[in-house]
Amino acid sequence: MMSRRYPTAEEVERILWDLERPMTLRAISRVSGVRYDRARYAMISLRYQGLVAHGPRRGNKGALWYRRGRYA
């Protein structure tokens, strides 16, 4: 059986719904319940759509992702 690499539309919607404040990718994965690798692909997709953005990395910690545009 092949494993699914990319998130479903429901998982992407859940991630966008749970992104109320700036969070790291690990925190987004934990809060939304979506696996880390799928959450990463979802955030990349949402970034290209212009719905989310991320700041620079903070030392050992990851970048903070946040909603942007009219959805913020």
PDB file of N, CA and C in Angstrom:
ATOM      1  N   MET A   1       0.829  -1.177   0.000  1.00  0.00           N
ATOM      2  CA  MET A   1       0.000   0.000   0.000  1.00  0.00           C
ATOM      3  C   MET A   1       0.877   1.246   0.000  1.00  0.00           C
ATOM      4  N   MET A   2       0.532   2.210  -0.821  1.00  0.00           N
ATOM      5  CA  MET A   2       1.300   3.453  -0.874  1.00  0.00           C
ATOM      6  C   MET A   2       0.840   4.396   0.229  1.00  0.00           C
ATOM      7  N   SER A   3       1.782   5.053   0.864  1.00  0.00           N
ATOM      8  CA  SER A   3       1.407   6.020   1.891  1.00  0.00           C
ATOM      9  C   SER A   3       1.137   7.367   1.218  1.00  0.00           C
ATOM     10  N   ARG A   4       0.266   8.108   1.827  1.00  0.00           N
ATOM     11  CA  ARG A   4      -0.112   9.402   1.291  1.00  0.00           C
ATOM     12  C   ARG A   4       0.899  10.435   1.760  1.00  0.00           C
ATOM     13  N   ARG A   5       1.455  11.222   0.847  1.00  0.00           N
ATOM     14  CA  ARG A   5       2.489  12.186   1.182  1.00  0.00           C
ATOM     15  C   ARG A   5       1.919  13.580   1.417  1.00  0.00           C
ATOM     16  N   TYR A   6       0.912  13.948   0.655  1.00  0.00           N
ATOM     17  CA  TYR A   6       0.368  15.293   0.721  1.00  0.00           C
ATOM     18  C   TYR A   6      -0.918  15.325   1.537  1.00  0.00           C
ATOM     19  N   PRO A   7      -1.224  16.462   2.158  1.00  0.00           N
ATOM     20  CA  PRO A   7      -2.416  16.554   3.004  1.00  0.00           C
ATOM     21  C   PRO A   7      -3.693  16.623   2.171  1.00  0.00           C
ATOM     22  N   THR A   8      -4.788  16.190   2.768  1.00  0.00           N
ATOM     23  CA  THR A   8      -6.082  16.316   2.108  1.00  0.00           C
ATOM     24  C   THR A   8      -6.587  17.739   2.311  1.00  0.00           C
ATOM     25  N   ALA A   9      -7.633  18.093   1.590  1.00  0.00           N
ATOM     26  CA  ALA A   9      -8.215  19.428   1.723  1.00  0.00           C
ATOM     27  C   ALA A   9      -8.746  19.644   3.136  1.00  0.00           C
ATOM     28  N   GLU A  10      -9.272  18.606   3.739  1.00  0.00           N
ATOM     29  CA  GLU A  10      -9.781  18.720   5.110  1.00  0.00           C
ATOM     30  C   GLU A  10      -8.653  19.037   6.087  1.00  0.00           C
ATOM     31  N   GLU A  11      -7.497  18.405   5.917  1.00  0.00           N
ATOM     32  CA  GLU A  11      -6.368  18.668   6.803  1.00  0.00           C
ATOM     33  C   GLU A  11      -5.847  20.091   6.614  1.00  0.00           C
ATOM     34  N   VAL A  12      -5.800  20.564   5.378  1.00  0.00           N
ATOM     35  CA  VAL A  12      -5.350  21.932   5.115  1.00  0.00           C
ATOM     36  C   VAL A  12      -6.311  22.925   5.751  1.00  0.00           C
ATOM     37  N   GLU A  13      -7.603  22.676   5.622  1.00  0.00           N
ATOM     38  CA  GLU A  13      -8.613  23.550   6.214  1.00  0.00           C
ATOM     39  C   GLU A  13      -8.500  23.560   7.746  1.00  0.00           C
ATOM     40  N   ARG A  14      -8.245  22.409   8.338  1.00  0.00           N
ATOM     41  CA  ARG A  14      -8.086  22.310   9.796  1.00  0.00           C
ATOM     42  C   ARG A  14      -6.869  23.108  10.254  1.00  0.00           C
ATOM     43  N   ILE A  15      -5.782  23.031   9.501  1.00  0.00           N
ATOM     44  CA  ILE A  15      -4.576  23.783   9.845  1.00  0.00           C
ATOM     45  C   ILE A  15      -4.850  25.279   9.775  1.00  0.00           C
ATOM     46  N   LEU A  16      -5.498  25.725   8.712  1.00  0.00           N
ATOM     47  CA  LEU A  16      -5.795  27.145   8.550  1.00  0.00           C
ATOM     48  C   LEU A  16      -6.738  27.624   9.649  1.00  0.00           C
ATOM     49  N   TRP A  17      -7.677  26.782  10.040  1.00  0.00           N
ATOM     50  CA  TRP A  17      -8.629  27.124  11.097  1.00  0.00           C
ATOM     51  C   TRP A  17      -7.917  27.273  12.447  1.00  0.00           C
ATOM     52  N   ASP A  18      -6.948  26.414  12.730  1.00  0.00           N
ATOM     53  CA  ASP A  18      -6.258  26.423  14.027  1.00  0.00           C
ATOM     54  C   ASP A  18      -5.141  27.454  14.116  1.00  0.00           C
ATOM     55  N   LEU A  19      -4.813  28.100  13.020  1.00  0.00           N
ATOM     56  CA  LEU A  19      -3.706  29.061  13.014  1.00  0.00           C
ATOM     57  C   LEU A  19      -4.219  30.432  13.454  1.00  0.00           C
ATOM     58  N   GLU A  20      -4.477  30.571  14.763  1.00  0.00           N
ATOM     59  CA  GLU A  20      -5.019  31.819  15.300  1.00  0.00           C
ATOM     60  C   GLU A  20      -3.921  32.794  15.702  1.00  0.00           C
ATOM     61  N   ARG A  21      -2.772  32.289  16.059  1.00  0.00           N
ATOM     62  CA  ARG A  21      -1.649  33.127  16.468  1.00  0.00           C
ATOM     63  C   ARG A  21      -0.398  32.557  15.806  1.00  0.00           C
ATOM     64  N   PRO A  22       0.675  33.334  15.731  1.00  0.00           N
ATOM     65  CA  PRO A  22       1.908  32.805  15.135  1.00  0.00           C
ATOM     66  C   PRO A  22       2.400  31.568  15.878  1.00  0.00           C
ATOM     67  N   MET A  23       2.681  30.497  15.135  1.00  0.00           N
ATOM     68  CA  MET A  23       3.144  29.240  15.723  1.00  0.00           C
ATOM     69  C   MET A  23       4.228  28.629  14.847  1.00  0.00           C
ATOM     70  N   THR A  24       5.036  27.791  15.473  1.00  0.00           N
ATOM     71  CA  THR A  24       6.015  27.028  14.716  1.00  0.00           C
ATOM     72  C   THR A  24       5.300  25.874  14.014  1.00  0.00           C
ATOM     73  N   LEU A  25       5.976  25.260  13.092  1.00  0.00           N
ATOM     74  CA  LEU A  25       5.387  24.148  12.348  1.00  0.00           C
ATOM     75  C   LEU A  25       5.071  22.966  13.265  1.00  0.00           C
ATOM     76  N   ARG A  26       5.938  22.698  14.232  1.00  0.00           N
ATOM     77  CA  ARG A  26       5.665  21.616  15.189  1.00  0.00           C
ATOM     78  C   ARG A  26       4.421  21.903  16.015  1.00  0.00           C
ATOM     79  N   ALA A  27       4.251  23.141  16.447  1.00  0.00           N
ATOM     80  CA  ALA A  27       3.065  23.508  17.228  1.00  0.00           C
ATOM     81  C   ALA A  27       1.806  23.402  16.372  1.00  0.00           C
ATOM     82  N   ILE A  28       1.888  23.802  15.119  1.00  0.00           N
ATOM     83  CA  ILE A  28       0.744  23.696  14.201  1.00  0.00           C
ATOM     84  C   ILE A  28       0.348  22.240  14.046  1.00  0.00           C
ATOM     85  N   SER A  29       1.338  21.376  13.877  1.00  0.00           N
ATOM     86  CA  SER A  29       1.082  19.950  13.729  1.00  0.00           C
ATOM     87  C   SER A  29       0.429  19.375  14.984  1.00  0.00           C
ATOM     88  N   ARG A  30       0.930  19.762  16.139  1.00  0.00           N
ATOM     89  CA  ARG A  30       0.401  19.253  17.400  1.00  0.00           C
ATOM     90  C   ARG A  30      -1.025  19.727  17.643  1.00  0.00           C
ATOM     91  N   VAL A  31      -1.306  21.017  17.399  1.00  0.00           N
ATOM     92  CA  VAL A  31      -2.627  21.582  17.668  1.00  0.00           C
ATOM     93  C   VAL A  31      -3.681  21.034  16.715  1.00  0.00           C
ATOM     94  N   SER A  32      -3.332  20.940  15.434  1.00  0.00           N
ATOM     95  CA  SER A  32      -4.313  20.517  14.428  1.00  0.00           C
ATOM     96  C   SER A  32      -4.472  19.004  14.357  1.00  0.00           C
ATOM     97  N   GLY A  33      -3.487  18.254  14.841  1.00  0.00           N
ATOM     98  CA  GLY A  33      -3.568  16.800  14.782  1.00  0.00           C
ATOM     99  C   GLY A  33      -3.159  16.227  13.441  1.00  0.00           C
ATOM    100  N   VAL A  34      -2.515  17.024  12.610  1.00  0.00           N
ATOM    101  CA  VAL A  34      -2.043  16.581  11.293  1.00  0.00           C
ATOM    102  C   VAL A  34      -0.569  16.218  11.427  1.00  0.00           C
ATOM    103  N   ARG A  35      -0.156  15.120  10.789  1.00  0.00           N
ATOM    104  CA  ARG A  35       1.245  14.715  10.857  1.00  0.00           C
ATOM    105  C   ARG A  35       2.167  15.838  10.388  1.00  0.00           C
ATOM    106  N   TYR A  36       3.385  15.878  10.931  1.00  0.00           N
ATOM    107  CA  TYR A  36       4.320  16.970  10.664  1.00  0.00           C
ATOM    108  C   TYR A  36       4.620  17.129   9.176  1.00  0.00           C
ATOM    109  N   ASP A  37       4.895  16.037   8.478  1.00  0.00           N
ATOM    110  CA  ASP A  37       5.259  16.151   7.065  1.00  0.00           C
ATOM    111  C   ASP A  37       4.095  16.679   6.229  1.00  0.00           C
ATOM    112  N   ARG A  38       2.893  16.267   6.544  1.00  0.00           N
ATOM    113  CA  ARG A  38       1.718  16.769   5.818  1.00  0.00           C
ATOM    114  C   ARG A  38       1.438  18.221   6.160  1.00  0.00           C
ATOM    115  N   ALA A  39       1.665  18.593   7.411  1.00  0.00           N
ATOM    116  CA  ALA A  39       1.486  19.989   7.814  1.00  0.00           C
ATOM    117  C   ALA A  39       2.484  20.881   7.080  1.00  0.00           C
ATOM    118  N   ARG A  40       3.703  20.377   6.905  1.00  0.00           N
ATOM    119  CA  ARG A  40       4.716  21.160   6.187  1.00  0.00           C
ATOM    120  C   ARG A  40       4.303  21.413   4.740  1.00  0.00           C
ATOM    121  N   TYR A  41       3.819  20.378   4.057  1.00  0.00           N
ATOM    122  CA  TYR A  41       3.367  20.557   2.675  1.00  0.00           C
ATOM    123  C   TYR A  41       2.139  21.456   2.602  1.00  0.00           C
ATOM    124  N   ALA A  42       1.271  21.380   3.607  1.00  0.00           N
ATOM    125  CA  ALA A  42       0.091  22.245   3.637  1.00  0.00           C
ATOM    126  C   ALA A  42       0.505  23.709   3.775  1.00  0.00           C
ATOM    127  N   MET A  43       1.478  23.979   4.641  1.00  0.00           N
ATOM    128  CA  MET A  43       1.915  25.355   4.835  1.00  0.00           C
ATOM    129  C   MET A  43       2.602  25.899   3.589  1.00  0.00           C
ATOM    130  N   ILE A  44       3.344  25.066   2.891  1.00  0.00           N
ATOM    131  CA  ILE A  44       3.972  25.496   1.645  1.00  0.00           C
ATOM    132  C   ILE A  44       2.901  25.853   0.619  1.00  0.00           C
ATOM    133  N   SER A  45       1.869  25.029   0.528  1.00  0.00           N
ATOM    134  CA  SER A  45       0.769  25.287  -0.396  1.00  0.00           C
ATOM    135  C   SER A  45       0.032  26.575  -0.035  1.00  0.00           C
ATOM    136  N   LEU A  46      -0.254  26.751   1.249  1.00  0.00           N
ATOM    137  CA  LEU A  46      -0.946  27.961   1.692  1.00  0.00           C
ATOM    138  C   LEU A  46      -0.084  29.206   1.497  1.00  0.00           C
ATOM    139  N   ARG A  47       1.228  29.057   1.607  1.00  0.00           N
ATOM    140  CA  ARG A  47       2.124  30.188   1.379  1.00  0.00           C
ATOM    141  C   ARG A  47       2.070  30.636  -0.069  1.00  0.00           C
ATOM    142  N   TYR A  48       2.065  29.703  -0.998  1.00  0.00           N
ATOM    143  CA  TYR A  48       1.984  30.064  -2.413  1.00  0.00           C
ATOM    144  C   TYR A  48       0.636  30.662  -2.783  1.00  0.00           C
ATOM    145  N   GLN A  49      -0.407  30.332  -2.022  1.00  0.00           N
ATOM    146  CA  GLN A  49      -1.716  30.932  -2.245  1.00  0.00           C
ATOM    147  C   GLN A  49      -1.827  32.320  -1.622  1.00  0.00           C
ATOM    148  N   GLY A  50      -0.858  32.688  -0.801  1.00  0.00           N
ATOM    149  CA  GLY A  50      -0.844  33.994  -0.170  1.00  0.00           C
ATOM    150  C   GLY A  50      -1.670  34.070   1.100  1.00  0.00           C
ATOM    151  N   LEU A  51      -2.042  32.936   1.669  1.00  0.00           N
ATOM    152  CA  LEU A  51      -2.875  32.925   2.870  1.00  0.00           C
ATOM    153  C   LEU A  51      -2.068  32.932   4.157  1.00  0.00           C
ATOM    154  N   VAL A  52      -0.840  32.441   4.116  1.00  0.00           N
ATOM    155  CA  VAL A  52       0.019  32.433   5.294  1.00  0.00           C
ATOM    156  C   VAL A  52       1.409  32.931   4.898  1.00  0.00           C
ATOM    157  N   ALA A  53       2.170  33.309   5.904  1.00  0.00           N
ATOM    158  CA  ALA A  53       3.562  33.715   5.708  1.00  0.00           C
ATOM    159  C   ALA A  53       4.337  33.251   6.930  1.00  0.00           C
ATOM    160  N   HIS A  54       5.652  33.343   6.859  1.00  0.00           N
ATOM    161  CA  HIS A  54       6.465  32.982   8.019  1.00  0.00           C
ATOM    162  C   HIS A  54       7.624  33.941   8.135  1.00  0.00           C
ATOM    163  N   GLY A  55       8.047  34.137   9.374  1.00  0.00           N
ATOM    164  CA  GLY A  55       9.173  35.006   9.662  1.00  0.00           C
ATOM    165  C   GLY A  55      10.467  34.229   9.608  1.00  0.00           C
ATOM    166  N   PRO A  56      11.571  34.880   9.921  1.00  0.00           N
ATOM    167  CA  PRO A  56      12.860  34.179   9.927  1.00  0.00           C
ATOM    168  C   PRO A  56      12.957  33.200  11.089  1.00  0.00           C
ATOM    169  N   ARG A  57      13.890  32.262  10.958  1.00  0.00           N
ATOM    170  CA  ARG A  57      14.127  31.311  12.058  1.00  0.00           C
ATOM    171  C   ARG A  57      14.641  32.064  13.262  1.00  0.00           C
ATOM    172  N   ARG A  58      14.333  31.540  14.437  1.00  0.00           N
ATOM    173  CA  ARG A  58      14.724  32.184  15.684  1.00  0.00           C
ATOM    174  C   ARG A  58      15.733  31.305  16.409  1.00  0.00           C
ATOM    175  N   GLY A  59      16.982  31.387  16.021  1.00  0.00           N
ATOM    176  CA  GLY A  59      18.028  30.578  16.659  1.00  0.00           C
ATOM    177  C   GLY A  59      17.800  29.105  16.420  1.00  0.00           C
ATOM    178  N   ASN A  60      17.705  28.319  17.504  1.00  0.00           N
ATOM    179  CA  ASN A  60      17.466  26.883  17.394  1.00  0.00           C
ATOM    180  C   ASN A  60      16.007  26.572  17.091  1.00  0.00           C
ATOM    181  N   LYS A  61      15.140  27.543  17.270  1.00  0.00           N
ATOM    182  CA  LYS A  61      13.712  27.311  17.079  1.00  0.00           C
ATOM    183  C   LYS A  61      13.333  27.549  15.629  1.00  0.00           C
ATOM    184  N   GLY A  62      12.183  27.054  15.239  1.00  0.00           N
ATOM    185  CA  GLY A  62      11.728  27.229  13.866  1.00  0.00           C
ATOM    186  C   GLY A  62      11.108  28.593  13.643  1.00  0.00           C
ATOM    187  N   ALA A  63      10.761  28.853  12.409  1.00  0.00           N
ATOM    188  CA  ALA A  63      10.113  30.105  12.042  1.00  0.00           C
ATOM    189  C   ALA A  63       8.670  30.098  12.534  1.00  0.00           C
ATOM    190  N   LEU A  64       8.147  31.281  12.787  1.00  0.00           N
ATOM    191  CA  LEU A  64       6.752  31.412  13.188  1.00  0.00           C
ATOM    192  C   LEU A  64       5.880  31.632  11.953  1.00  0.00           C
ATOM    193  N   TRP A  65       4.887  30.802  11.784  1.00  0.00           N
ATOM    194  CA  TRP A  65       3.936  30.919  10.683  1.00  0.00           C
ATOM    195  C   TRP A  65       2.716  31.690  11.173  1.00  0.00           C
ATOM    196  N   TYR A  66       2.151  32.521  10.309  1.00  0.00           N
ATOM    197  CA  TYR A  66       0.977  33.295  10.677  1.00  0.00           C
ATOM    198  C   TYR A  66       0.091  33.516   9.459  1.00  0.00           C
ATOM    199  N   ARG A  67      -1.194  33.771   9.725  1.00  0.00           N
ATOM    200  CA  ARG A  67      -2.119  34.081   8.630  1.00  0.00           C
ATOM    201  C   ARG A  67      -1.869  35.493   8.151  1.00  0.00           C
ATOM    202  N   ARG A  68      -2.170  35.761   6.902  1.00  0.00           N
ATOM    203  CA  ARG A  68      -1.995  37.105   6.377  1.00  0.00           C
ATOM    204  C   ARG A  68      -3.170  37.459   5.481  1.00  0.00           C
ATOM    205  N   GLY A  69      -3.221  38.699   5.088  1.00  0.00           N
ATOM    206  CA  GLY A  69      -4.284  39.158   4.197  1.00  0.00           C
ATOM    207  C   GLY A  69      -5.597  39.351   4.919  1.00  0.00           C
ATOM    208  N   ARG A  70      -6.682  39.185   4.216  1.00  0.00           N
ATOM    209  CA  ARG A  70      -7.990  39.454   4.782  1.00  0.00           C
ATOM    210  C   ARG A  70      -8.432  38.381   5.784  1.00  0.00           C
ATOM    211  N   TYR A  71      -7.692  37.270   5.851  1.00  0.00           N
ATOM    212  CA  TYR A  71      -8.049  36.192   6.769  1.00  0.00           C
ATOM    213  C   TYR A  71      -7.458  36.391   8.148  1.00  0.00           C
ATOM    214  N   ALA A  72      -6.562  37.352   8.300  1.00  0.00           N
ATOM    215  CA  ALA A  72      -5.885  37.549   9.592  1.00  0.00           C
ATOM    216  C   ALA A  72      -6.782  38.211  10.607  1.00  0.00           C
TER     217      ALA A  72
END
